[in-house]
């Protein structure tokens, strides 16, 4: 549960757009039919695995999926498609892969033949300049910002919370240094959502009447008084989002790298930013849906996988892994937000219909 809520009216399909963006980046980076290598860092791999199966990537003429922080087999005759978070560490590792290219007569000393860079979010000007002046620059053929730096846990649900304890980071009087960091990271990820969905939002935010609101959002957000800091979370978040949107829309820089431009046909939307003080009770209420019951009663891995032991016709138990994902289970996609009582009745009705319509099941039950 995050400590603030963001609603984008009329925007659907985060997971699908992310998957399409990743596949498009991999498949179009090099000439059709050429084999390539995909290199990703750990955060990017989490984003990729949340929307795609590895076989979907390998089908794009990919010979290997490598993690950039690990020791990797070189492929000096193949291009590498990098999918990375826009941070200093990932940029440094890209440069490391090609640092020997200019010093050696044979470019096979490089890890790969060429690099096609795709960043999950906006790359800072400082990191962009570092890449352009590095030994890797001659080998970098494309660099694009994909804006997929968020976790699409469902087709219509996404998370942008940067820390594991957002309530503490934003509301605790003992953690004033975490406020700006968490809000900046969340704003960066929300920018990815907005750009990925292709919208130009009007921004509205919650600002209740309060004497302390005469102070600046930045000052109140780091205040040691929670009574005055809580109403300012949404306003401070909105200021950051607007600033990042303005930077994105006005970015007309031209360089060796290809930055995304603002599409001309972006659909109008409304971005509503609320902080948790709008509704203090919802986090304390139990969600009586099928999805809520599953999370209460089952031990889930990564929030969507359940492993259990089932019997078989041979008498030997088998271990089964059930993945609760809308791409794999249409019944889960249909029922997950229903009330648990409605789900029980629906499944009973469907079972009765199956028995009634299936002669084989009827014969087996009478035997």
Protein backbone atom coordinates (compact mmCIF):
# COMPACT_ATOMS: atom_id res chain seq x y z
CA UNK A 1 0.00 0.00 0.00
CA UNK A 2 1.50 3.28 -1.04
CA UNK A 3 1.07 6.45 0.95
CA UNK A 4 -0.42 8.46 -1.88
CA UNK A 5 -2.71 7.68 -4.76
CA UNK A 6 -2.49 8.72 -8.39
CA UNK A 7 -5.41 8.28 -10.74
CA UNK A 8 -5.11 8.64 -14.51
CA UNK A 9 -8.58 8.86 -16.04
CA UNK A 10 -9.06 6.97 -19.28
CA UNK A 11 -5.68 5.19 -19.34
CA UNK A 12 -5.45 1.41 -19.67
CA UNK A 13 -2.95 -1.22 -20.66
CA UNK A 14 0.27 -0.37 -18.77
CA UNK A 15 1.52 -3.94 -18.89
CA UNK A 16 0.73 -4.40 -22.58
CA UNK A 17 2.40 -1.13 -23.55
CA UNK A 18 5.50 -2.03 -21.56
CA UNK A 19 5.73 -5.46 -23.19
CA UNK A 20 5.24 -4.00 -26.68
CA UNK A 21 7.89 -1.36 -25.99
CA UNK A 22 10.48 -3.90 -24.86
CA UNK A 23 9.86 -6.29 -27.75
CA UNK A 24 9.91 -3.40 -30.20
CA UNK A 25 13.23 -2.17 -28.85
CA UNK A 26 14.84 -5.60 -29.15
CA UNK A 27 13.45 -6.49 -32.56
CA UNK A 28 14.18 -3.19 -34.29
CA UNK A 29 17.61 -2.42 -32.81
CA UNK A 30 19.47 -4.40 -35.46
CA UNK A 31 18.78 -5.52 -39.02
CA UNK A 32 16.04 -8.15 -39.43
CA UNK A 33 17.32 -11.69 -39.14
CA UNK A 34 20.54 -10.77 -37.35
CA UNK A 35 21.36 -12.48 -34.07
CA UNK A 36 21.79 -10.27 -31.04
CA UNK A 37 22.42 -10.34 -27.28
CA UNK A 38 20.21 -8.69 -24.65
CA UNK A 39 22.01 -7.18 -21.65
CA UNK A 40 20.06 -5.87 -18.65
CA UNK A 41 20.68 -4.82 -15.07
CA UNK A 42 18.77 -6.26 -12.12
CA UNK A 43 16.02 -3.60 -11.88
CA UNK A 44 15.39 -3.80 -15.63
CA UNK A 45 15.18 -7.59 -15.49
CA UNK A 46 12.46 -7.27 -12.86
CA UNK A 47 10.48 -4.97 -15.15
CA UNK A 48 10.99 -7.27 -18.14
CA UNK A 49 10.02 -10.45 -16.26
CA UNK A 50 6.85 -8.81 -14.94
CA UNK A 51 5.43 -8.43 -18.45
CA UNK A 52 7.27 -10.97 -20.61
CA UNK A 53 8.46 -14.55 -20.52
CA UNK A 54 12.05 -15.18 -21.49
CA UNK A 55 11.04 -17.25 -24.52
CA UNK A 56 9.25 -14.19 -25.95
CA UNK A 57 12.57 -12.35 -25.92
CA UNK A 58 14.59 -15.28 -27.27
CA UNK A 59 12.20 -15.47 -30.23
CA UNK A 60 13.52 -12.06 -31.38
CA UNK A 61 16.75 -13.64 -32.68
CA UNK A 62 18.33 -13.32 -29.23
CA UNK A 63 21.08 -15.83 -28.44
CA UNK A 64 21.44 -14.91 -24.77
CA UNK A 65 20.02 -12.71 -22.02
CA UNK A 66 22.86 -11.48 -19.82
CA UNK A 67 22.94 -9.55 -16.57
CA UNK A 68 25.34 -6.63 -16.79
CA UNK A 69 26.64 -6.98 -13.22
CA UNK A 70 27.83 -10.56 -13.77
CA UNK A 71 30.75 -12.04 -15.66
CA UNK A 72 29.52 -12.50 -19.24
CA UNK A 73 30.56 -14.45 -22.30
CA UNK A 74 31.71 -12.00 -24.99
CA UNK A 75 30.00 -11.95 -28.38
CA UNK A 76 32.35 -9.71 -30.40
CA UNK A 77 30.58 -10.47 -33.70
CA UNK A 78 27.09 -9.59 -32.46
CA UNK A 79 25.30 -6.40 -31.48
CA UNK A 80 24.11 -6.02 -27.91
CA UNK A 81 20.74 -4.55 -26.95
CA UNK A 82 21.10 -2.98 -23.51
CA UNK A 83 18.00 -2.40 -21.37
CA UNK A 84 19.14 -0.46 -18.33
CA UNK A 85 18.02 1.93 -15.63
CA UNK A 86 19.51 5.40 -16.26
CA UNK A 87 22.04 5.38 -13.42
CA UNK A 88 25.77 6.00 -13.17
CA UNK A 89 26.62 2.38 -12.42
CA UNK A 90 24.90 1.00 -15.53
CA UNK A 91 26.45 3.67 -17.76
CA UNK A 92 29.90 2.88 -16.33
CA UNK A 93 29.44 -0.82 -17.10
CA UNK A 94 28.49 -0.06 -20.71
CA UNK A 95 31.66 1.98 -21.11
CA UNK A 96 33.64 -0.87 -19.53
CA UNK A 97 32.39 -3.26 -22.23
CA UNK A 98 33.96 -1.12 -24.98
CA UNK A 99 36.88 0.59 -23.29
CA UNK A 100 39.51 -1.44 -25.15
CA UNK A 101 38.03 -0.90 -28.61
CA UNK A 102 39.93 2.26 -29.55
CA UNK A 103 43.24 1.08 -28.11
CA UNK A 104 43.29 -2.23 -29.95
CA UNK A 105 43.73 -2.67 -33.68
CA UNK A 106 41.09 -5.39 -33.62
CA UNK A 107 37.65 -4.42 -32.26
CA UNK A 108 37.16 -8.02 -31.12
CA UNK A 109 38.65 -6.89 -27.84
CA UNK A 110 35.25 -5.32 -27.15
CA UNK A 111 32.56 -7.33 -25.41
CA UNK A 112 30.19 -6.87 -28.38
CA UNK A 113 30.36 -5.48 -31.91
CA UNK A 114 28.02 -2.55 -31.30
CA UNK A 115 25.66 -1.29 -28.60
CA UNK A 116 22.02 -0.26 -28.80
CA UNK A 117 21.05 1.42 -25.53
CA UNK A 118 17.51 1.52 -24.19
CA UNK A 119 16.98 3.21 -20.82
CA UNK A 120 13.94 2.53 -18.65
CA UNK A 121 13.62 6.23 -17.78
CA UNK A 122 15.06 9.65 -18.53
CA UNK A 123 18.84 9.79 -18.84
CA UNK A 124 20.37 12.84 -17.13
CA UNK A 125 22.36 15.35 -19.17
CA UNK A 126 25.47 14.53 -17.14
CA UNK A 127 25.28 10.81 -17.92
CA UNK A 128 24.48 11.55 -21.56
CA UNK A 129 27.58 13.74 -21.84
CA UNK A 130 29.65 11.05 -20.11
CA UNK A 131 28.56 8.49 -22.71
CA UNK A 132 29.19 10.82 -25.65
CA UNK A 133 32.77 11.53 -24.51
CA UNK A 134 33.61 7.94 -23.53
CA UNK A 135 35.54 5.30 -25.51
CA UNK A 136 32.21 3.52 -26.00
CA UNK A 137 30.68 6.38 -28.06
CA UNK A 138 31.83 5.10 -31.51
CA UNK A 139 30.23 1.74 -30.81
CA UNK A 140 26.87 3.10 -29.59
CA UNK A 141 24.54 3.15 -32.59
CA UNK A 142 21.28 4.06 -30.87
CA UNK A 143 20.20 5.27 -27.43
CA UNK A 144 16.56 5.71 -26.54
CA UNK A 145 14.55 6.38 -23.40
CA UNK A 146 11.75 3.80 -23.19
CA UNK A 147 10.03 5.25 -20.11
CA UNK A 148 9.06 1.90 -18.58
CA UNK A 149 10.48 2.49 -15.11
CA UNK A 150 7.49 1.24 -13.13
CA UNK A 151 6.06 -2.10 -12.11
CA UNK A 152 2.89 -3.04 -14.08
CA UNK A 153 1.51 -5.68 -11.72
CA UNK A 154 -1.74 -5.84 -13.74
CA UNK A 155 -2.87 -4.45 -17.08
CA UNK A 156 -4.62 -1.58 -15.27
CA UNK A 157 -2.55 -1.41 -12.09
CA UNK A 158 1.01 -0.16 -11.70
CA UNK A 159 3.33 0.67 -8.80
CA UNK A 160 5.74 3.58 -8.65
CA UNK A 161 6.63 3.34 -4.95
CA UNK A 162 10.43 3.52 -4.73
CA UNK A 163 10.99 2.20 -1.20
CA UNK A 164 9.74 -0.76 0.79
CA UNK A 165 8.55 1.46 3.65
CA UNK A 166 6.95 4.52 2.01
CA UNK A 167 4.89 5.47 5.06
CA UNK A 168 8.01 5.74 7.18
CA UNK A 169 10.00 7.54 4.50
CA UNK A 170 7.39 10.26 3.93
CA UNK A 171 5.63 10.65 7.26
CA UNK A 172 8.14 9.84 9.99
CA UNK A 173 9.67 12.88 11.76
CA UNK A 174 12.82 10.78 12.12
CA UNK A 175 13.40 10.39 8.37
CA UNK A 176 13.44 13.91 6.89
CA UNK A 177 16.27 13.07 4.50
CA UNK A 178 14.25 10.32 2.83
CA UNK A 179 11.35 12.56 1.77
CA UNK A 180 12.94 14.30 -1.20
CA UNK A 181 14.63 11.09 -2.39
CA UNK A 182 11.40 9.06 -2.33
CA UNK A 183 9.31 11.78 -3.95
CA UNK A 184 11.87 12.32 -6.72
CA UNK A 185 12.10 8.60 -7.46
CA UNK A 186 8.32 8.22 -7.50
CA UNK A 187 7.95 11.24 -9.80
CA UNK A 188 10.50 9.77 -12.22
CA UNK A 189 8.55 6.53 -12.35
CA UNK A 190 5.24 8.28 -12.76
CA UNK A 191 6.73 10.22 -15.68
CA UNK A 192 7.46 6.83 -17.24
CA UNK A 193 3.82 5.84 -16.81
CA UNK A 194 2.56 9.07 -18.39
CA UNK A 195 4.93 8.86 -21.37
CA UNK A 196 4.33 5.14 -21.83
CA UNK A 197 0.57 5.64 -21.96
CA UNK A 198 0.91 8.57 -24.37
CA UNK A 199 -1.11 11.15 -22.45
CA UNK A 200 -0.88 14.87 -21.73
CA UNK A 201 -2.43 15.16 -18.27
CA UNK A 202 -4.01 18.10 -16.53
CA UNK A 203 -2.75 17.80 -12.96
CA UNK A 204 -5.04 18.22 -9.96
CA UNK A 205 -3.91 17.62 -6.39
CA UNK A 206 -5.30 17.55 -2.86
CA UNK A 207 -4.59 20.73 -0.87
CA UNK A 208 -6.83 21.05 2.20
CA UNK A 209 -7.23 24.40 3.97
CA UNK A 210 -4.54 24.65 6.62
CA UNK A 211 -2.63 27.60 8.09
CA UNK A 212 0.66 25.84 7.52
CA UNK A 213 0.02 25.71 3.77
CA UNK A 214 1.43 29.21 3.51
CA UNK A 215 4.81 27.54 3.84
CA UNK A 216 6.57 26.09 0.81
CA UNK A 217 5.87 22.41 -0.04
CA UNK A 218 9.56 21.58 0.22
CA UNK A 219 9.89 23.11 3.67
CA UNK A 220 6.76 21.48 5.04
CA UNK A 221 7.56 18.08 3.48
CA UNK A 222 10.67 17.77 5.61
CA UNK A 223 9.09 19.33 8.69
CA UNK A 224 9.48 17.44 11.93
CA UNK A 225 5.84 18.13 12.69
CA UNK A 226 3.65 15.46 11.13
CA UNK A 227 0.57 17.57 11.77
CA UNK A 228 1.70 20.09 9.17
CA UNK A 229 3.72 17.84 6.87
CA UNK A 230 0.98 15.37 5.95
CA UNK A 231 -1.19 17.78 3.87
CA UNK A 232 1.85 18.80 1.82
CA UNK A 233 2.82 15.40 0.43
CA UNK A 234 0.46 15.61 -2.57
CA UNK A 235 1.44 19.21 -3.34
CA UNK A 236 5.15 18.47 -3.13
CA UNK A 237 4.68 15.39 -5.33
CA UNK A 238 2.71 17.44 -7.88
CA UNK A 239 5.46 20.06 -8.10
CA UNK A 240 8.01 17.39 -8.94
CA UNK A 241 5.78 15.72 -11.54
CA UNK A 242 5.07 19.03 -13.25
CA UNK A 243 8.76 19.92 -13.33
CA UNK A 244 9.71 16.58 -14.88
CA UNK A 245 6.88 16.81 -17.42
CA UNK A 246 8.01 20.30 -18.43
CA UNK A 247 11.56 19.04 -18.91
CA UNK A 248 10.35 16.13 -21.00
CA UNK A 249 8.06 18.24 -23.20
CA UNK A 250 10.65 20.95 -23.86
CA UNK A 251 13.59 18.64 -24.49
CA UNK A 252 14.66 19.46 -28.03
CA UNK A 253 18.32 18.49 -27.71
CA UNK A 254 20.01 16.82 -30.64
CA UNK A 255 23.10 14.67 -30.20
CA UNK A 256 24.57 11.34 -31.15
CA UNK A 257 21.71 9.75 -29.25
CA UNK A 258 18.05 9.63 -30.12
CA UNK A 259 15.80 11.09 -27.44
CA UNK A 260 12.07 10.55 -27.61
CA UNK A 261 9.99 13.54 -28.64
CA UNK A 262 6.53 14.46 -27.46
CA UNK A 263 3.92 12.81 -29.70
CA UNK A 264 1.59 15.25 -31.42
CA UNK A 265 -1.54 13.18 -30.84
CA UNK A 266 -1.36 12.63 -27.08
CA UNK A 267 -4.85 12.15 -25.63
CA UNK A 268 -6.02 14.54 -22.87
CA UNK A 269 -6.18 13.09 -19.34
CA UNK A 270 -6.51 14.18 -15.74
CA UNK A 271 -3.85 13.29 -13.21
CA UNK A 272 -5.21 13.36 -9.64
CA UNK A 273 -2.62 13.26 -6.87
CA UNK A 274 -3.85 12.36 -3.38
CA UNK A 275 -1.94 11.64 -0.21
CA UNK A 276 -2.96 8.99 2.28
CA UNK A 277 -4.53 11.52 4.66
CA UNK A 278 -7.54 11.73 2.33
CA UNK A 279 -8.58 8.24 3.45
CA UNK A 280 -7.05 6.98 6.68
CA UNK A 281 -9.37 3.99 7.02
CA UNK A 282 -9.05 2.12 3.72
CA UNK A 283 -5.68 0.50 4.60
CA UNK A 284 -7.27 -0.92 7.77
CA UNK A 285 -10.23 -2.52 5.98
CA UNK A 286 -10.15 -6.09 4.71
CA UNK A 287 -10.57 -6.58 0.99
CA UNK A 288 -13.28 -9.24 0.61
CA UNK A 289 -12.38 -10.11 -2.95
CA UNK A 290 -10.98 -13.29 -4.45
CA UNK A 291 -7.61 -11.58 -4.87
CA UNK A 292 -7.66 -10.45 -1.24
CA UNK A 293 -8.46 -13.98 -0.02
CA UNK A 294 -5.64 -15.45 -2.10
CA UNK A 295 -3.09 -13.06 -0.61
CA UNK A 296 -4.42 -13.74 2.88
CA UNK A 297 -4.49 -17.54 2.75
CA UNK A 298 -1.72 -18.59 0.38
CA UNK A 299 2.04 -18.24 0.58
CA UNK A 300 2.84 -16.45 -2.68
CA UNK A 301 6.27 -16.05 -4.27
CA UNK A 302 6.85 -12.66 -5.87
CA UNK A 303 3.21 -11.87 -5.19
CA UNK A 304 1.80 -14.12 -7.93
CA UNK A 305 3.16 -17.69 -7.75
CA UNK A 306 1.87 -20.47 -5.50
CA UNK A 307 3.52 -23.90 -5.22
CA UNK A 308 1.49 -26.85 -3.96
CA UNK A 309 1.55 -30.66 -4.01
CA UNK A 310 -1.21 -32.54 -5.85
CA UNK A 311 -1.97 -36.22 -6.33
CA UNK A 312 -1.78 -38.01 -9.67
CA UNK A 313 -3.22 -41.10 -11.35
CA UNK A 314 0.06 -42.95 -10.70
CA UNK A 315 -0.21 -42.40 -6.97
CA UNK A 316 2.90 -40.26 -6.79
CA UNK A 317 2.43 -36.66 -5.63
CA UNK A 318 3.54 -33.89 -7.99
CA UNK A 319 4.61 -30.36 -7.27
CA UNK A 320 2.64 -27.79 -9.23
CA UNK A 321 3.42 -24.11 -9.61
CA UNK A 322 0.34 -21.96 -10.23
CA UNK A 323 1.04 -18.49 -11.60
CA UNK A 324 -1.71 -15.95 -10.99
CA UNK A 325 -1.15 -13.76 -14.03
CA UNK A 326 -3.72 -12.37 -16.41
CA UNK A 327 -1.60 -13.40 -19.39
CA UNK A 328 -1.75 -17.04 -18.27
CA UNK A 329 -5.09 -17.47 -16.49
CA UNK A 330 -8.19 -15.88 -18.00
CA UNK A 331 -10.31 -17.10 -15.06
CA UNK A 332 -8.05 -15.27 -12.60
CA UNK A 333 -8.27 -12.13 -14.71
CA UNK A 334 -12.06 -12.33 -14.69
CA UNK A 335 -12.67 -13.20 -11.03
CA UNK A 336 -9.86 -11.59 -9.03
CA UNK A 337 -11.80 -8.40 -8.20
CA UNK A 338 -15.12 -10.15 -7.46
CA UNK A 339 -16.46 -10.57 -3.95
CA UNK A 340 -15.40 -13.97 -2.59
CA UNK A 341 -19.02 -15.03 -2.15
CA UNK A 342 -19.81 -14.28 -5.79
CA UNK A 343 -16.71 -16.24 -6.86
CA UNK A 344 -17.79 -19.30 -4.86
CA UNK A 345 -21.26 -19.23 -6.41
CA UNK A 346 -19.89 -18.69 -9.93
CA UNK A 347 -17.46 -21.62 -9.68
CA UNK A 348 -20.18 -23.91 -8.30
CA UNK A 349 -22.51 -22.95 -11.16
CA UNK A 350 -19.76 -23.50 -13.74
CA UNK A 351 -18.94 -26.93 -12.31
CA UNK A 352 -22.58 -27.99 -12.41
CA UNK A 353 -22.82 -26.80 -16.01
CA UNK A 354 -19.66 -28.74 -16.93
CA UNK A 355 -21.04 -31.95 -15.43
CA UNK A 356 -24.45 -31.42 -17.02
CA UNK A 357 -23.00 -30.85 -20.50
CA UNK A 358 -20.29 -33.54 -20.41
CA UNK A 359 -21.49 -37.09 -20.97
CA UNK A 360 -18.09 -38.57 -20.10
CA UNK A 361 -18.07 -36.99 -16.63
CA UNK A 362 -21.61 -38.23 -16.00
CA UNK A 363 -20.66 -41.78 -16.97
CA UNK A 364 -17.54 -41.72 -14.79
CA UNK A 365 -19.50 -40.50 -11.77
CA UNK A 366 -21.97 -43.42 -12.10
CA UNK A 367 -19.28 -46.08 -12.45
